[in-house]
Amino acid sequence: MHDNHDLSVGALQIPLDHHSRLEVNILCGDSGEVRKLGEHVIAERGVRHGRLVMLPVELKTETHSHGKKHSHRMCM
């Protein structure tokens, strides 16, 4: 996931027991890139169960100023 930080919106990790945890990653971006990353993570060694759920969203780029002018890509 670290190599694809531009797709990552957030993550949640919950310990289930001494050996297992539930991990949820929220991604936003091009559907092909998101699918590729999701399938890569599910195929990782040690991942016992995985599912990729994709929802359609509108991508917007917003420019605003708070000291510096810059853009943020937002999933809306």
N, C-alpha and C. Protein backbone atom coordinates (compact mmCIF):
# COMPACT_ATOMS: atom_id res chain seq x y z
N MET A 1 0.81 -1.20 0.00
CA MET A 1 0.00 0.00 0.00
C MET A 1 0.86 1.27 0.00
N HIS A 2 2.06 1.18 0.54
CA HIS A 2 2.87 2.39 0.68
C HIS A 2 3.26 2.97 -0.67
N ASP A 3 3.43 2.11 -1.69
CA ASP A 3 3.81 2.60 -3.01
C ASP A 3 2.65 3.29 -3.72
N ASN A 4 1.44 3.09 -3.25
CA ASN A 4 0.26 3.66 -3.90
C ASN A 4 -0.45 4.64 -2.97
N HIS A 5 0.33 5.46 -2.27
CA HIS A 5 -0.26 6.39 -1.31
C HIS A 5 -1.19 7.40 -1.98
N ASP A 6 -1.03 7.62 -3.29
CA ASP A 6 -1.91 8.55 -3.98
C ASP A 6 -3.33 8.01 -4.12
N LEU A 7 -3.51 6.68 -4.02
CA LEU A 7 -4.84 6.08 -4.08
C LEU A 7 -5.47 5.95 -2.69
N SER A 8 -4.66 5.94 -1.66
CA SER A 8 -5.14 5.67 -0.31
C SER A 8 -5.82 6.88 0.32
N VAL A 9 -7.03 6.66 0.80
CA VAL A 9 -7.79 7.71 1.50
C VAL A 9 -7.73 7.46 3.00
N GLY A 10 -7.76 6.19 3.40
CA GLY A 10 -7.72 5.86 4.81
C GLY A 10 -7.62 4.36 5.01
N ALA A 11 -7.30 3.97 6.24
CA ALA A 11 -7.18 2.55 6.58
C ALA A 11 -7.61 2.34 8.02
N LEU A 12 -8.09 1.14 8.29
CA LEU A 12 -8.52 0.75 9.63
C LEU A 12 -8.01 -0.65 9.89
N GLN A 13 -7.37 -0.87 11.04
CA GLN A 13 -6.90 -2.19 11.42
C GLN A 13 -7.46 -2.51 12.80
N ILE A 14 -8.07 -3.70 12.91
CA ILE A 14 -8.67 -4.13 14.17
C ILE A 14 -8.13 -5.51 14.52
N PRO A 15 -7.46 -5.68 15.66
CA PRO A 15 -7.01 -7.00 16.07
C PRO A 15 -8.21 -7.90 16.37
N LEU A 16 -8.20 -9.11 15.81
CA LEU A 16 -9.28 -10.07 16.05
C LEU A 16 -8.88 -11.07 17.11
N ASP A 17 -7.64 -11.51 17.08
CA ASP A 17 -7.09 -12.40 18.09
C ASP A 17 -5.57 -12.24 18.05
N HIS A 18 -4.86 -13.15 18.70
CA HIS A 18 -3.41 -13.03 18.80
C HIS A 18 -2.71 -13.10 17.43
N HIS A 19 -3.33 -13.77 16.46
CA HIS A 19 -2.68 -14.00 15.17
C HIS A 19 -3.37 -13.31 13.99
N SER A 20 -4.53 -12.72 14.19
CA SER A 20 -5.32 -12.20 13.07
C SER A 20 -5.77 -10.77 13.32
N ARG A 21 -5.96 -10.06 12.22
CA ARG A 21 -6.54 -8.72 12.31
C ARG A 21 -7.41 -8.49 11.08
N LEU A 22 -8.36 -7.61 11.24
CA LEU A 22 -9.20 -7.15 10.14
C LEU A 22 -8.61 -5.84 9.65
N GLU A 23 -8.40 -5.73 8.35
CA GLU A 23 -7.86 -4.51 7.79
C GLU A 23 -8.78 -4.04 6.66
N VAL A 24 -9.15 -2.77 6.70
CA VAL A 24 -9.99 -2.16 5.69
C VAL A 24 -9.21 -0.98 5.12
N ASN A 25 -9.09 -0.94 3.80
CA ASN A 25 -8.41 0.17 3.13
C ASN A 25 -9.39 0.86 2.21
N ILE A 26 -9.45 2.17 2.30
CA ILE A 26 -10.32 2.97 1.44
C ILE A 26 -9.43 3.60 0.37
N LEU A 27 -9.76 3.32 -0.89
CA LEU A 27 -8.97 3.81 -2.01
C LEU A 27 -9.85 4.68 -2.90
N CYS A 28 -9.24 5.62 -3.58
CA CYS A 28 -9.96 6.48 -4.50
C CYS A 28 -9.06 6.75 -5.70
N GLY A 29 -9.59 6.52 -6.88
CA GLY A 29 -8.80 6.78 -8.07
C GLY A 29 -9.37 6.07 -9.27
N ASP A 30 -8.56 5.95 -10.31
CA ASP A 30 -8.94 5.25 -11.52
C ASP A 30 -9.33 3.81 -11.17
N SER A 31 -10.45 3.35 -11.71
CA SER A 31 -10.96 2.02 -11.33
C SER A 31 -9.97 0.92 -11.67
N GLY A 32 -9.24 1.03 -12.76
CA GLY A 32 -8.24 0.01 -13.11
C GLY A 32 -7.11 -0.05 -12.11
N GLU A 33 -6.64 1.12 -11.67
CA GLU A 33 -5.57 1.16 -10.67
C GLU A 33 -6.04 0.64 -9.33
N VAL A 34 -7.26 1.00 -8.92
CA VAL A 34 -7.82 0.53 -7.65
C VAL A 34 -7.99 -0.98 -7.69
N ARG A 35 -8.53 -1.51 -8.79
CA ARG A 35 -8.72 -2.95 -8.92
C ARG A 35 -7.38 -3.69 -8.85
N LYS A 36 -6.39 -3.18 -9.57
CA LYS A 36 -5.07 -3.81 -9.59
C LYS A 36 -4.46 -3.86 -8.19
N LEU A 37 -4.53 -2.75 -7.46
CA LEU A 37 -3.98 -2.71 -6.11
C LEU A 37 -4.76 -3.63 -5.18
N GLY A 38 -6.09 -3.60 -5.28
CA GLY A 38 -6.91 -4.48 -4.43
C GLY A 38 -6.59 -5.94 -4.65
N GLU A 39 -6.48 -6.35 -5.90
CA GLU A 39 -6.16 -7.74 -6.21
C GLU A 39 -4.75 -8.10 -5.75
N HIS A 40 -3.82 -7.16 -5.84
CA HIS A 40 -2.46 -7.40 -5.37
C HIS A 40 -2.44 -7.63 -3.85
N VAL A 41 -3.15 -6.79 -3.12
CA VAL A 41 -3.19 -6.93 -1.65
C VAL A 41 -3.83 -8.26 -1.26
N ILE A 42 -4.93 -8.64 -1.90
CA ILE A 42 -5.61 -9.90 -1.58
C ILE A 42 -4.70 -11.08 -1.87
N ALA A 43 -3.84 -10.99 -2.87
CA ALA A 43 -2.95 -12.09 -3.24
C ALA A 43 -1.71 -12.17 -2.35
N GLU A 44 -1.50 -11.20 -1.48
CA GLU A 44 -0.32 -11.20 -0.62
C GLU A 44 -0.30 -12.43 0.28
N ARG A 45 0.90 -12.91 0.54
CA ARG A 45 1.08 -14.04 1.46
C ARG A 45 0.56 -13.64 2.85
N GLY A 46 -0.17 -14.52 3.46
CA GLY A 46 -0.71 -14.27 4.79
C GLY A 46 -2.13 -13.73 4.80
N VAL A 47 -2.62 -13.26 3.66
CA VAL A 47 -4.00 -12.78 3.59
C VAL A 47 -4.90 -14.00 3.42
N ARG A 48 -5.75 -14.25 4.39
CA ARG A 48 -6.60 -15.44 4.37
C ARG A 48 -7.92 -15.21 3.64
N HIS A 49 -8.48 -14.04 3.79
CA HIS A 49 -9.76 -13.70 3.14
C HIS A 49 -9.64 -12.27 2.63
N GLY A 50 -10.20 -12.04 1.47
CA GLY A 50 -10.16 -10.69 0.93
C GLY A 50 -11.30 -10.47 -0.03
N ARG A 51 -11.72 -9.24 -0.10
CA ARG A 51 -12.79 -8.88 -1.03
C ARG A 51 -12.58 -7.43 -1.45
N LEU A 52 -12.75 -7.20 -2.73
CA LEU A 52 -12.68 -5.85 -3.27
C LEU A 52 -14.10 -5.39 -3.55
N VAL A 53 -14.50 -4.29 -2.95
CA VAL A 53 -15.82 -3.70 -3.19
C VAL A 53 -15.58 -2.33 -3.78
N MET A 54 -16.14 -2.11 -4.97
CA MET A 54 -15.94 -0.83 -5.65
C MET A 54 -17.28 -0.12 -5.79
N LEU A 55 -17.26 1.18 -5.52
CA LEU A 55 -18.44 2.02 -5.63
C LEU A 55 -18.14 3.15 -6.61
N PRO A 56 -19.09 3.50 -7.48
CA PRO A 56 -18.84 4.61 -8.39
C PRO A 56 -18.90 5.94 -7.64
N VAL A 57 -17.93 6.79 -7.90
CA VAL A 57 -17.92 8.13 -7.30
C VAL A 57 -17.51 9.13 -8.37
N GLU A 58 -17.81 10.37 -8.12
CA GLU A 58 -17.40 11.45 -9.00
C GLU A 58 -16.09 12.02 -8.48
N LEU A 59 -15.07 12.09 -9.32
CA LEU A 59 -13.79 12.66 -8.92
C LEU A 59 -13.78 14.14 -9.28
N LYS A 60 -13.42 14.96 -8.32
CA LYS A 60 -13.33 16.40 -8.54
C LYS A 60 -11.96 16.89 -8.10
N THR A 61 -11.48 17.90 -8.76
CA THR A 61 -10.26 18.58 -8.32
C THR A 61 -10.66 19.98 -7.89
N GLU A 62 -10.32 20.32 -6.68
CA GLU A 62 -10.69 21.61 -6.11
C GLU A 62 -9.43 22.41 -5.84
N THR A 63 -9.41 23.64 -6.26
CA THR A 63 -8.29 24.54 -5.99
C THR A 63 -8.76 25.57 -4.98
N HIS A 64 -7.97 25.76 -3.96
CA HIS A 64 -8.28 26.77 -2.96
C HIS A 64 -6.98 27.32 -2.39
N SER A 65 -7.10 28.36 -1.60
CA SER A 65 -5.92 29.01 -1.06
C SER A 65 -5.99 29.08 0.46
N HIS A 66 -4.94 28.63 1.09
CA HIS A 66 -4.76 28.83 2.53
C HIS A 66 -3.25 28.93 2.76
N GLY A 67 -2.71 30.03 2.30
CA GLY A 67 -1.27 30.24 2.36
C GLY A 67 -0.62 29.91 1.02
N LYS A 68 -0.93 28.74 0.47
CA LYS A 68 -0.42 28.32 -0.83
C LYS A 68 -1.58 27.87 -1.68
N LYS A 69 -1.54 28.15 -2.95
CA LYS A 69 -2.57 27.64 -3.86
C LYS A 69 -2.15 26.25 -4.30
N HIS A 70 -3.05 25.30 -4.18
CA HIS A 70 -2.80 23.94 -4.61
C HIS A 70 -4.13 23.23 -4.84
N SER A 71 -4.07 22.06 -5.43
CA SER A 71 -5.27 21.30 -5.74
C SER A 71 -5.33 20.03 -4.91
N HIS A 72 -6.53 19.59 -4.62
CA HIS A 72 -6.79 18.31 -3.98
C HIS A 72 -7.73 17.52 -4.87
N ARG A 73 -7.41 16.27 -5.11
CA ARG A 73 -8.36 15.40 -5.80
C ARG A 73 -9.26 14.82 -4.73
N MET A 74 -10.56 14.96 -4.92
CA MET A 74 -11.51 14.51 -3.91
C MET A 74 -12.47 13.50 -4.52
N CYS A 75 -12.79 12.47 -3.75
CA CYS A 75 -13.84 11.53 -4.16
C CYS A 75 -15.14 12.09 -3.61
N MET A 76 -16.07 12.34 -4.48
CA MET A 76 -17.35 12.91 -4.05
C MET A 76 -18.45 11.93 -4.33
